[in-house]
Amino acid sequence: MYQDFYHLHSLPFENTPDARFFFASEQHREALSAIEYTIRMRKGLVLITGDIGSGKTTVGCMMCETCGNRTHIVQLVPRHCTGIELMQQLLRTLHITTNPHEGYAGMLDRLAVYLNTQMERRKPVVLFIDEAQSLSDDALEELRLLSNLDTARQKLIQIVLIGQPELRQRISEHRYDALRQRIVMAKQLQPLAPEETAGYIRHRVKAASRDPRNIQAQFSDEALNEIHRLTGGVPRLINVACDNCMLLGFVREARCITPEMVHQVIEDMVPRFNDSQANEQAAQQQTLTLAGNL
């Protein structure tokens, strides 16, 4: 609704992993660089974790964008499946034909042949699994076995696991020692700092503007500070708050988003406590409630 009013070619705060809106905060840039390094150097397995809405999937999409021209990236949807079911899903995705009566060893041989062929074609395979915390124990063990596929010089398959913090906690258990030892790089994404929140919002508005030299939508410094305080620096919550702020700005025909507009948006989204509780503790509770509702 507000695109024309603010001279935008697209909505800037959609909660979709659109590479056009990737904001290279220091930690997101480090995570992306870690993935690119392990892929380029054929190192093995990399783990990226973060809370809901922290931008993990966006980092993964940027990986596909930046590495897709020199690798064959295979994205699997995590399921509570067995190890052999994971192998079958991988083979189907790679269009590797197998015999219905073929055992695990035969499937593994066919996969190894395919991976070697891709390596010779200079198009090595990268297995990318988002929401990896949903994988069963058996599937995680299968990934460990797949990480053993290599030549005398390099790994035949790169594995990128992206998941919520419980995945990191789970892998830290003693029973996952063998898998953990194969992780060559692990990054944990944290909420954005105040200055990063401001940069994130301005970057997305600029990326969506028809003319980046003449941006029609502005957030005051005070409004940016309030958005960070009320969302805790979580990108997904920032997107929801900013989208609603711009809608309210459109209704009011306001080019600049103010702190008062931010507060109204948050109050409309989350029922407010009574006035005696409307303090910093209430604001923190609003953030938690908002996060739980998304």
C-alpha atoms as a PDB file:
ATOM      1  CA  MET A   1       0.000   0.000   0.000  1.00  0.00           C
ATOM      2  CA  TYR A   2       2.775   2.453   0.879  1.00  0.00           C
ATOM      3  CA  GLN A   3       5.190   1.710  -1.981  1.00  0.00           C
ATOM      4  CA  ASP A   4       4.153   4.597  -4.225  1.00  0.00           C
ATOM      5  CA  PHE A   5       3.968   7.084  -1.366  1.00  0.00           C
ATOM      6  CA  TYR A   6       7.573   6.381  -0.371  1.00  0.00           C
ATOM      7  CA  HIS A   7       8.778   5.871  -3.976  1.00  0.00           C
ATOM      8  CA  LEU A   8       9.741   2.232  -3.439  1.00  0.00           C
ATOM      9  CA  HIS A   9      10.123  -0.485  -6.069  1.00  0.00           C
ATOM     10  CA  SER A  10       9.461  -3.201  -3.484  1.00  0.00           C
ATOM     11  CA  LEU A  11       8.553  -3.610   0.177  1.00  0.00           C
ATOM     12  CA  PRO A  12      11.740  -3.189   2.237  1.00  0.00           C
ATOM     13  CA  PHE A  13      10.798  -5.164   5.332  1.00  0.00           C
ATOM     14  CA  GLU A  14       9.413  -8.453   4.091  1.00  0.00           C
ATOM     15  CA  ASN A  15      10.489 -11.430   6.214  1.00  0.00           C
ATOM     16  CA  THR A  16      11.859 -13.360   3.253  1.00  0.00           C
ATOM     17  CA  PRO A  17      15.547 -14.180   2.649  1.00  0.00           C
ATOM     18  CA  ASP A  18      15.973 -11.814  -0.296  1.00  0.00           C
ATOM     19  CA  ALA A  19      19.658 -11.362  -1.144  1.00  0.00           C
ATOM     20  CA  ARG A  20      18.982  -7.781  -2.313  1.00  0.00           C
ATOM     21  CA  PHE A  21      18.358  -6.747   1.280  1.00  0.00           C
ATOM     22  CA  PHE A  22      21.280  -8.561   2.887  1.00  0.00           C
ATOM     23  CA  PHE A  23      22.838  -6.294   5.511  1.00  0.00           C
ATOM     24  CA  ALA A  24      26.477  -7.124   6.079  1.00  0.00           C
ATOM     25  CA  SER A  25      26.789  -6.575   9.812  1.00  0.00           C
ATOM     26  CA  GLU A  26      30.142  -7.705  11.158  1.00  0.00           C
ATOM     27  CA  GLN A  27      28.843 -11.023  12.453  1.00  0.00           C
ATOM     28  CA  HIS A  28      26.767 -11.811   9.348  1.00  0.00           C
ATOM     29  CA  ARG A  29      29.729 -10.939   7.168  1.00  0.00           C
ATOM     30  CA  GLU A  30      31.956 -13.226   9.260  1.00  0.00           C
ATOM     31  CA  ALA A  31      29.445 -16.076   8.993  1.00  0.00           C
ATOM     32  CA  LEU A  32      29.227 -15.706   5.220  1.00  0.00           C
ATOM     33  CA  SER A  33      33.006 -15.512   4.916  1.00  0.00           C
ATOM     34  CA  ALA A  34      33.363 -18.659   7.030  1.00  0.00           C
ATOM     35  CA  ILE A  35      31.017 -20.553   4.718  1.00  0.00           C
ATOM     36  CA  GLU A  36      32.751 -19.280   1.580  1.00  0.00           C
ATOM     37  CA  TYR A  37      36.163 -20.203   2.983  1.00  0.00           C
ATOM     38  CA  THR A  38      35.196 -23.778   3.841  1.00  0.00           C
ATOM     39  CA  ILE A  39      33.608 -24.220   0.419  1.00  0.00           C
ATOM     40  CA  ARG A  40      36.509 -22.712  -1.508  1.00  0.00           C
ATOM     41  CA  MET A  41      39.152 -24.646   0.430  1.00  0.00           C
ATOM     42  CA  ARG A  42      37.105 -27.883   0.512  1.00  0.00           C
ATOM     43  CA  LYS A  43      37.374 -28.084   4.288  1.00  0.00           C
ATOM     44  CA  GLY A  44      34.288 -30.078   5.212  1.00  0.00           C
ATOM     45  CA  LEU A  45      31.464 -29.181   7.592  1.00  0.00           C
ATOM     46  CA  VAL A  46      30.415 -25.710   8.800  1.00  0.00           C
ATOM     47  CA  LEU A  47      27.774 -24.858  11.416  1.00  0.00           C
ATOM     48  CA  ILE A  48      25.827 -21.570  11.672  1.00  0.00           C
ATOM     49  CA  THR A  49      23.390 -21.163  14.572  1.00  0.00           C
ATOM     50  CA  GLY A  50      21.224 -18.359  15.898  1.00  0.00           C
ATOM     51  CA  ASP A  51      17.908 -17.617  17.546  1.00  0.00           C
ATOM     52  CA  ILE A  52      14.672 -17.405  15.578  1.00  0.00           C
ATOM     53  CA  GLY A  53      14.711 -14.351  13.336  1.00  0.00           C
ATOM     54  CA  SER A  54      18.454 -13.701  13.641  1.00  0.00           C
ATOM     55  CA  GLY A  55      19.114 -13.848   9.891  1.00  0.00           C
ATOM     56  CA  LYS A  56      20.498 -17.398   9.549  1.00  0.00           C
ATOM     57  CA  THR A  57      18.473 -18.260   6.465  1.00  0.00           C
ATOM     58  CA  THR A  58      19.433 -14.975   4.814  1.00  0.00           C
ATOM     59  CA  VAL A  59      23.107 -15.858   5.297  1.00  0.00           C
ATOM     60  CA  GLY A  60      22.389 -19.218   3.682  1.00  0.00           C
ATOM     61  CA  CYS A  61      20.683 -17.575   0.727  1.00  0.00           C
ATOM     62  CA  MET A  62      23.631 -15.235   0.292  1.00  0.00           C
ATOM     63  CA  MET A  63      25.866 -18.313   0.255  1.00  0.00           C
ATOM     64  CA  CYS A  64      23.796 -19.728  -2.600  1.00  0.00           C
ATOM     65  CA  GLU A  65      24.012 -16.370  -4.381  1.00  0.00           C
ATOM     66  CA  THR A  66      27.772 -15.963  -4.064  1.00  0.00           C
ATOM     67  CA  CYS A  67      28.888 -19.586  -4.415  1.00  0.00           C
ATOM     68  CA  GLY A  68      26.282 -20.965  -6.802  1.00  0.00           C
ATOM     69  CA  ASN A  69      28.230 -20.182  -9.963  1.00  0.00           C
ATOM     70  CA  ARG A  70      31.189 -22.353  -8.954  1.00  0.00           C
ATOM     71  CA  THR A  71      29.484 -25.098  -6.966  1.00  0.00           C
ATOM     72  CA  HIS A  72      26.429 -27.333  -7.183  1.00  0.00           C
ATOM     73  CA  ILE A  73      24.393 -26.380  -4.107  1.00  0.00           C
ATOM     74  CA  VAL A  74      21.857 -28.962  -2.964  1.00  0.00           C
ATOM     75  CA  GLN A  75      19.213 -27.760  -0.494  1.00  0.00           C
ATOM     76  CA  LEU A  76      17.405 -30.385   1.543  1.00  0.00           C
ATOM     77  CA  VAL A  77      14.301 -29.846   3.655  1.00  0.00           C
ATOM     78  CA  PRO A  78      15.006 -31.283   7.125  1.00  0.00           C
ATOM     79  CA  ARG A  79      12.754 -34.101   8.191  1.00  0.00           C
ATOM     80  CA  HIS A  80      12.623 -36.474  11.106  1.00  0.00           C
ATOM     81  CA  CYS A  81      13.940 -39.210   8.865  1.00  0.00           C
ATOM     82  CA  THR A  82      16.380 -42.061   9.261  1.00  0.00           C
ATOM     83  CA  GLY A  83      19.907 -41.933   7.932  1.00  0.00           C
ATOM     84  CA  ILE A  84      19.103 -44.072   4.907  1.00  0.00           C
ATOM     85  CA  GLU A  85      16.042 -41.929   4.147  1.00  0.00           C
ATOM     86  CA  LEU A  86      18.284 -38.875   4.176  1.00  0.00           C
ATOM     87  CA  MET A  87      20.613 -40.634   1.746  1.00  0.00           C
ATOM     88  CA  GLN A  88      17.688 -41.521  -0.522  1.00  0.00           C
ATOM     89  CA  GLN A  89      16.440 -37.938  -0.440  1.00  0.00           C
ATOM     90  CA  LEU A  90      19.901 -36.672  -1.375  1.00  0.00           C
ATOM     91  CA  LEU A  91      20.159 -39.105  -4.289  1.00  0.00           C
ATOM     92  CA  ARG A  92      16.719 -38.110  -5.585  1.00  0.00           C
ATOM     93  CA  THR A  93      17.623 -34.435  -5.398  1.00  0.00           C
ATOM     94  CA  LEU A  94      20.822 -35.096  -7.351  1.00  0.00           C
ATOM     95  CA  HIS A  95      18.846 -37.196  -9.883  1.00  0.00           C
ATOM     96  CA  ILE A  96      21.021 -40.232  -9.225  1.00  0.00           C
ATOM     97  CA  THR A  97      19.201 -43.362 -10.357  1.00  0.00           C
ATOM     98  CA  THR A  98      19.377 -46.313  -7.985  1.00  0.00           C
ATOM     99  CA  ASN A  99      18.142 -49.880  -8.042  1.00  0.00           C
ATOM    100  CA  PRO A 100      15.092 -50.371  -5.768  1.00  0.00           C
ATOM    101  CA  HIS A 101      16.801 -53.436  -4.291  1.00  0.00           C
ATOM    102  CA  GLU A 102      20.154 -51.748  -3.914  1.00  0.00           C
ATOM    103  CA  GLY A 103      21.543 -51.608  -0.401  1.00  0.00           C
ATOM    104  CA  TYR A 104      23.196 -48.760   1.427  1.00  0.00           C
ATOM    105  CA  ALA A 105      26.693 -49.634   0.170  1.00  0.00           C
ATOM    106  CA  GLY A 106      25.494 -49.453  -3.430  1.00  0.00           C
ATOM    107  CA  MET A 107      23.873 -46.062  -2.894  1.00  0.00           C
ATOM    108  CA  LEU A 108      27.029 -44.749  -1.262  1.00  0.00           C
ATOM    109  CA  ASP A 109      29.137 -45.964  -4.204  1.00  0.00           C
ATOM    110  CA  ARG A 110      26.849 -44.241  -6.706  1.00  0.00           C
ATOM    111  CA  LEU A 111      27.006 -41.027  -4.710  1.00  0.00           C
ATOM    112  CA  ALA A 112      30.820 -41.174  -4.527  1.00  0.00           C
ATOM    113  CA  VAL A 113      31.055 -41.639  -8.306  1.00  0.00           C
ATOM    114  CA  TYR A 114      28.768 -38.656  -8.857  1.00  0.00           C
ATOM    115  CA  LEU A 115      30.713 -36.472  -6.428  1.00  0.00           C
ATOM    116  CA  ASN A 116      34.002 -37.363  -8.095  1.00  0.00           C
ATOM    117  CA  THR A 117      32.534 -36.508 -11.493  1.00  0.00           C
ATOM    118  CA  GLN A 118      31.354 -33.136 -10.200  1.00  0.00           C
ATOM    119  CA  MET A 119      34.785 -32.471  -8.777  1.00  0.00           C
ATOM    120  CA  GLU A 120      36.401 -33.211 -12.140  1.00  0.00           C
ATOM    121  CA  ARG A 121      33.950 -30.791 -13.755  1.00  0.00           C
ATOM    122  CA  ARG A 122      35.012 -28.147 -11.212  1.00  0.00           C
ATOM    123  CA  LYS A 123      31.461 -28.016  -9.884  1.00  0.00           C
ATOM    124  CA  PRO A 124      31.772 -29.615  -6.412  1.00  0.00           C
ATOM    125  CA  VAL A 125      28.632 -30.418  -4.435  1.00  0.00           C
ATOM    126  CA  VAL A 126      27.595 -28.412  -1.374  1.00  0.00           C
ATOM    127  CA  LEU A 127      24.867 -29.880   0.826  1.00  0.00           C
ATOM    128  CA  PHE A 128      22.940 -27.030   2.483  1.00  0.00           C
ATOM    129  CA  ILE A 129      20.476 -27.872   5.269  1.00  0.00           C
ATOM    130  CA  ASP A 130      18.458 -25.092   6.930  1.00  0.00           C
ATOM    131  CA  GLU A 131      16.532 -25.661  10.180  1.00  0.00           C
ATOM    132  CA  ALA A 132      19.007 -28.465  10.871  1.00  0.00           C
ATOM    133  CA  GLN A 133      17.881 -28.741  14.497  1.00  0.00           C
ATOM    134  CA  SER A 134      14.987 -30.823  13.123  1.00  0.00           C
ATOM    135  CA  LEU A 135      17.304 -33.604  11.948  1.00  0.00           C
ATOM    136  CA  SER A 136      17.055 -36.909  13.789  1.00  0.00           C
ATOM    137  CA  ASP A 137      20.026 -38.469  15.563  1.00  0.00           C
ATOM    138  CA  ASP A 138      20.227 -41.053  12.806  1.00  0.00           C
ATOM    139  CA  ALA A 139      20.292 -38.353  10.111  1.00  0.00           C
ATOM    140  CA  LEU A 140      23.061 -36.454  11.925  1.00  0.00           C
ATOM    141  CA  GLU A 141      25.095 -39.647  12.041  1.00  0.00           C
ATOM    142  CA  GLU A 142      24.543 -40.064   8.306  1.00  0.00           C
ATOM    143  CA  LEU A 143      25.900 -36.571   7.733  1.00  0.00           C
ATOM    144  CA  ARG A 144      28.994 -37.533   9.711  1.00  0.00           C
ATOM    145  CA  LEU A 145      29.488 -40.528   7.440  1.00  0.00           C
ATOM    146  CA  LEU A 146      28.982 -38.377   4.338  1.00  0.00           C
ATOM    147  CA  SER A 147      31.631 -35.967   5.602  1.00  0.00           C
ATOM    148  CA  ASN A 148      34.110 -38.865   5.402  1.00  0.00           C
ATOM    149  CA  LEU A 149      33.826 -38.976   1.611  1.00  0.00           C
ATOM    150  CA  ASP A 150      37.076 -37.554   0.285  1.00  0.00           C
ATOM    151  CA  THR A 151      40.037 -38.044  -1.980  1.00  0.00           C
ATOM    152  CA  ALA A 152      43.671 -37.994  -0.957  1.00  0.00           C
ATOM    153  CA  ARG A 153      43.590 -34.184  -1.246  1.00  0.00           C
ATOM    154  CA  GLN A 154      40.117 -32.840  -0.495  1.00  0.00           C
ATOM    155  CA  LYS A 155      36.558 -33.461   0.623  1.00  0.00           C
ATOM    156  CA  LEU A 156      34.112 -34.655  -2.002  1.00  0.00           C
ATOM    157  CA  ILE A 157      31.125 -32.943  -0.397  1.00  0.00           C
ATOM    158  CA  GLN A 158      30.784 -29.786   1.677  1.00  0.00           C
ATOM    159  CA  ILE A 159      28.060 -29.703   4.333  1.00  0.00           C
ATOM    160  CA  VAL A 160      26.531 -26.476   5.681  1.00  0.00           C
ATOM    161  CA  LEU A 161      24.212 -26.815   8.668  1.00  0.00           C
ATOM    162  CA  ILE A 162      22.092 -23.840   9.722  1.00  0.00           C
ATOM    163  CA  GLY A 163      19.910 -24.127  12.783  1.00  0.00           C
ATOM    164  CA  GLN A 164      18.724 -22.783  16.103  1.00  0.00           C
ATOM    165  CA  PRO A 165      20.986 -22.684  19.205  1.00  0.00           C
ATOM    166  CA  GLU A 166      19.676 -26.015  20.469  1.00  0.00           C
ATOM    167  CA  LEU A 167      21.508 -27.680  17.587  1.00  0.00           C
ATOM    168  CA  ARG A 168      24.826 -26.402  18.929  1.00  0.00           C
ATOM    169  CA  GLN A 169      23.899 -27.572  22.435  1.00  0.00           C
ATOM    170  CA  ARG A 170      22.876 -30.962  21.104  1.00  0.00           C
ATOM    171  CA  ILE A 171      26.093 -31.473  19.162  1.00  0.00           C
ATOM    172  CA  SER A 172      28.097 -30.572  22.274  1.00  0.00           C
ATOM    173  CA  GLU A 173      26.934 -33.824  23.903  1.00  0.00           C
ATOM    174  CA  HIS A 174      29.482 -36.620  24.262  1.00  0.00           C
ATOM    175  CA  ARG A 175      27.621 -38.921  21.844  1.00  0.00           C
ATOM    176  CA  TYR A 176      28.289 -36.422  19.035  1.00  0.00           C
ATOM    177  CA  ASP A 177      32.049 -36.223  19.575  1.00  0.00           C
ATOM    178  CA  ALA A 178      32.798 -37.765  16.165  1.00  0.00           C
ATOM    179  CA  LEU A 179      30.491 -35.333  14.346  1.00  0.00           C
ATOM    180  CA  ARG A 180      31.703 -32.314  16.303  1.00  0.00           C
ATOM    181  CA  GLN A 181      35.327 -33.069  15.409  1.00  0.00           C
ATOM    182  CA  ARG A 182      34.417 -32.775  11.733  1.00  0.00           C
ATOM    183  CA  ILE A 183      33.069 -29.230  12.129  1.00  0.00           C
ATOM    184  CA  VAL A 184      35.819 -26.948  10.857  1.00  0.00           C
ATOM    185  CA  MET A 185      33.963 -23.665  11.414  1.00  0.00           C
ATOM    186  CA  ALA A 186      31.098 -22.710  13.744  1.00  0.00           C
ATOM    187  CA  LYS A 187      29.439 -19.301  14.110  1.00  0.00           C
ATOM    188  CA  GLN A 188      26.677 -18.145  16.456  1.00  0.00           C
ATOM    189  CA  LEU A 189      24.575 -15.156  15.311  1.00  0.00           C
ATOM    190  CA  GLN A 190      23.564 -12.651  17.985  1.00  0.00           C
ATOM    191  CA  PRO A 191      20.935  -9.845  17.885  1.00  0.00           C
ATOM    192  CA  LEU A 192      22.041  -6.611  16.227  1.00  0.00           C
ATOM    193  CA  ALA A 193      23.665  -3.873  18.279  1.00  0.00           C
ATOM    194  CA  PRO A 194      21.929  -0.435  18.347  1.00  0.00           C
ATOM    195  CA  GLU A 195      24.124   1.037  15.614  1.00  0.00           C
ATOM    196  CA  GLU A 196      23.681  -2.122  13.535  1.00  0.00           C
ATOM    197  CA  THR A 197      19.902  -1.892  13.891  1.00  0.00           C
ATOM    198  CA  ALA A 198      19.999   1.669  12.546  1.00  0.00           C
ATOM    199  CA  GLY A 199      22.267   0.626   9.671  1.00  0.00           C
ATOM    200  CA  TYR A 200      20.067  -2.384   8.934  1.00  0.00           C
ATOM    201  CA  ILE A 201      16.901  -0.276   8.650  1.00  0.00           C
ATOM    202  CA  ARG A 202      18.506   2.435   6.533  1.00  0.00           C
ATOM    203  CA  HIS A 203      20.111  -0.160   4.263  1.00  0.00           C
ATOM    204  CA  ARG A 204      16.808  -1.902   3.546  1.00  0.00           C
ATOM    205  CA  VAL A 205      14.984   1.359   2.839  1.00  0.00           C
ATOM    206  CA  LYS A 206      17.747   2.435   0.466  1.00  0.00           C
ATOM    207  CA  ALA A 207      17.787  -0.954  -1.283  1.00  0.00           C
ATOM    208  CA  ALA A 208      14.022  -0.716  -1.889  1.00  0.00           C
ATOM    209  CA  SER A 209      14.000   2.922  -3.037  1.00  0.00           C
ATOM    210  CA  ARG A 210      13.467   3.755  -6.689  1.00  0.00           C
ATOM    211  CA  ASP A 211      16.115   6.451  -6.415  1.00  0.00           C
ATOM    212  CA  PRO A 212      18.689   5.742  -3.642  1.00  0.00           C
ATOM    213  CA  ARG A 213      19.888   9.343  -3.970  1.00  0.00           C
ATOM    214  CA  ASN A 214      16.469  10.694  -3.059  1.00  0.00           C
ATOM    215  CA  ILE A 215      15.026   8.486  -0.334  1.00  0.00           C
ATOM    216  CA  GLN A 216      11.457   9.421   0.583  1.00  0.00           C
ATOM    217  CA  ALA A 217      11.149   7.330   3.763  1.00  0.00           C
ATOM    218  CA  GLN A 218      13.149   8.351   6.829  1.00  0.00           C
ATOM    219  CA  PHE A 219      13.382   7.042  10.381  1.00  0.00           C
ATOM    220  CA  SER A 220      14.474   9.623  12.961  1.00  0.00           C
ATOM    221  CA  ASP A 221      17.448   8.735  15.163  1.00  0.00           C
ATOM    222  CA  GLU A 222      15.126   8.562  18.164  1.00  0.00           C
ATOM    223  CA  ALA A 223      12.759   6.219  16.302  1.00  0.00           C
ATOM    224  CA  LEU A 224      15.676   3.957  15.374  1.00  0.00           C
ATOM    225  CA  ASN A 225      16.733   3.795  19.020  1.00  0.00           C
ATOM    226  CA  GLU A 226      13.201   2.879  20.097  1.00  0.00           C
ATOM    227  CA  ILE A 227      12.894   0.175  17.450  1.00  0.00           C
ATOM    228  CA  HIS A 228      16.109  -1.394  18.699  1.00  0.00           C
ATOM    229  CA  ARG A 229      15.017  -1.189  22.341  1.00  0.00           C
ATOM    230  CA  LEU A 230      11.599  -2.690  21.690  1.00  0.00           C
ATOM    231  CA  THR A 231      12.738  -5.469  19.335  1.00  0.00           C
ATOM    232  CA  GLY A 232      15.984  -6.385  21.063  1.00  0.00           C
ATOM    233  CA  GLY A 233      17.832  -6.109  17.750  1.00  0.00           C
ATOM    234  CA  VAL A 234      16.215  -9.241  16.283  1.00  0.00           C
ATOM    235  CA  PRO A 235      15.999  -8.739  12.482  1.00  0.00           C
ATOM    236  CA  ARG A 236      12.647 -10.476  12.069  1.00  0.00           C
ATOM    237  CA  LEU A 237      11.022  -8.336  14.756  1.00  0.00           C
ATOM    238  CA  ILE A 238      12.664  -5.219  13.313  1.00  0.00           C
ATOM    239  CA  ASN A 239      11.091  -6.041   9.947  1.00  0.00           C
ATOM    240  CA  VAL A 240       7.628  -6.447  11.428  1.00  0.00           C
ATOM    241  CA  ALA A 241       7.870  -3.209  13.418  1.00  0.00           C
ATOM    242  CA  CYS A 242       9.277  -1.165  10.515  1.00  0.00           C
ATOM    243  CA  ASP A 243       6.730  -2.479   8.025  1.00  0.00           C
ATOM    244  CA  ASN A 244       3.917  -1.399  10.327  1.00  0.00           C
ATOM    245  CA  CYS A 245       5.594   1.950  10.995  1.00  0.00           C
ATOM    246  CA  MET A 246       5.760   2.681   7.274  1.00  0.00           C
ATOM    247  CA  LEU A 247       2.120   1.700   6.874  1.00  0.00           C
ATOM    248  CA  LEU A 248       1.204   4.108   9.669  1.00  0.00           C
ATOM    249  CA  GLY A 249       3.376   6.781   8.057  1.00  0.00           C
ATOM    250  CA  PHE A 250       1.519   6.296   4.788  1.00  0.00           C
ATOM    251  CA  VAL A 251      -1.848   6.679   6.535  1.00  0.00           C
ATOM    252  CA  ARG A 252      -0.631   9.879   8.213  1.00  0.00           C
ATOM    253  CA  GLU A 253       1.160  11.087   5.059  1.00  0.00           C
ATOM    254  CA  ALA A 254       4.371  11.360   7.079  1.00  0.00           C
ATOM    255  CA  ARG A 255       7.728  10.994   5.353  1.00  0.00           C
ATOM    256  CA  CYS A 256       9.597  10.616   8.658  1.00  0.00           C
ATOM    257  CA  ILE A 257       8.899   7.883  11.219  1.00  0.00           C
ATOM    258  CA  THR A 258       8.914   9.251  14.784  1.00  0.00           C
ATOM    259  CA  PRO A 259       9.288   7.548  18.200  1.00  0.00           C
ATOM    260  CA  GLU A 260       5.604   8.203  18.889  1.00  0.00           C
ATOM    261  CA  MET A 261       4.687   6.249  15.742  1.00  0.00           C
ATOM    262  CA  VAL A 262       6.957   3.399  16.806  1.00  0.00           C
ATOM    263  CA  HIS A 263       5.232   3.212  20.189  1.00  0.00           C
ATOM    264  CA  GLN A 264       1.778   3.234  18.604  1.00  0.00           C
ATOM    265  CA  VAL A 265       2.753   0.398  16.277  1.00  0.00           C
ATOM    266  CA  ILE A 266       4.111  -1.711  19.131  1.00  0.00           C
ATOM    267  CA  GLU A 267       1.033  -1.028  21.265  1.00  0.00           C
ATOM    268  CA  ASP A 268      -1.246  -2.027  18.395  1.00  0.00           C
ATOM    269  CA  MET A 269       0.709  -5.252  17.930  1.00  0.00           C
ATOM    270  CA  VAL A 270       1.034  -6.185  21.614  1.00  0.00           C
ATOM    271  CA  PRO A 271      -1.532  -5.402  24.356  1.00  0.00           C
ATOM    272  CA  ARG A 272       0.012  -2.910  26.774  1.00  0.00           C
ATOM    273  CA  PHE A 273       0.147  -3.287  30.535  1.00  0.00           C
ATOM    274  CA  ASN A 274      -1.539  -0.720  32.748  1.00  0.00           C
ATOM    275  CA  ASP A 275       0.188   2.625  33.220  1.00  0.00           C
ATOM    276  CA  SER A 276       1.817   1.651  36.524  1.00  0.00           C
ATOM    277  CA  GLN A 277       3.732  -1.087  34.681  1.00  0.00           C
ATOM    278  CA  ALA A 278       4.621   0.919  31.585  1.00  0.00           C
ATOM    279  CA  ASN A 279       8.337   1.041  32.248  1.00  0.00           C
ATOM    280  CA  GLU A 280      11.479  -0.655  30.980  1.00  0.00           C
ATOM    281  CA  GLN A 281      10.370  -4.032  32.325  1.00  0.00           C
ATOM    282  CA  ALA A 282       7.090  -3.724  30.414  1.00  0.00           C
ATOM    283  CA  ALA A 283       8.958  -2.889  27.231  1.00  0.00           C
ATOM    284  CA  GLN A 284      11.111  -5.973  27.642  1.00  0.00           C
ATOM    285  CA  GLN A 285       8.035  -8.107  28.205  1.00  0.00           C
ATOM    286  CA  GLN A 286       6.477  -6.652  25.055  1.00  0.00           C
ATOM    287  CA  THR A 287       9.500  -7.751  23.078  1.00  0.00           C
ATOM    288  CA  LEU A 288       9.275 -11.286  24.447  1.00  0.00           C
ATOM    289  CA  THR A 289       5.537 -11.459  23.755  1.00  0.00           C
ATOM    290  CA  LEU A 290       6.023 -10.177  20.222  1.00  0.00           C
ATOM    291  CA  ALA A 291       8.741 -12.760  19.586  1.00  0.00           C
ATOM    292  CA  GLY A 292       6.490 -15.534  20.851  1.00  0.00           C
ATOM    293  CA  ASN A 293       3.646 -14.464  18.583  1.00  0.00           C
ATOM    294  CA  LEU A 294       5.743 -14.671  15.405  1.00  0.00           C
END
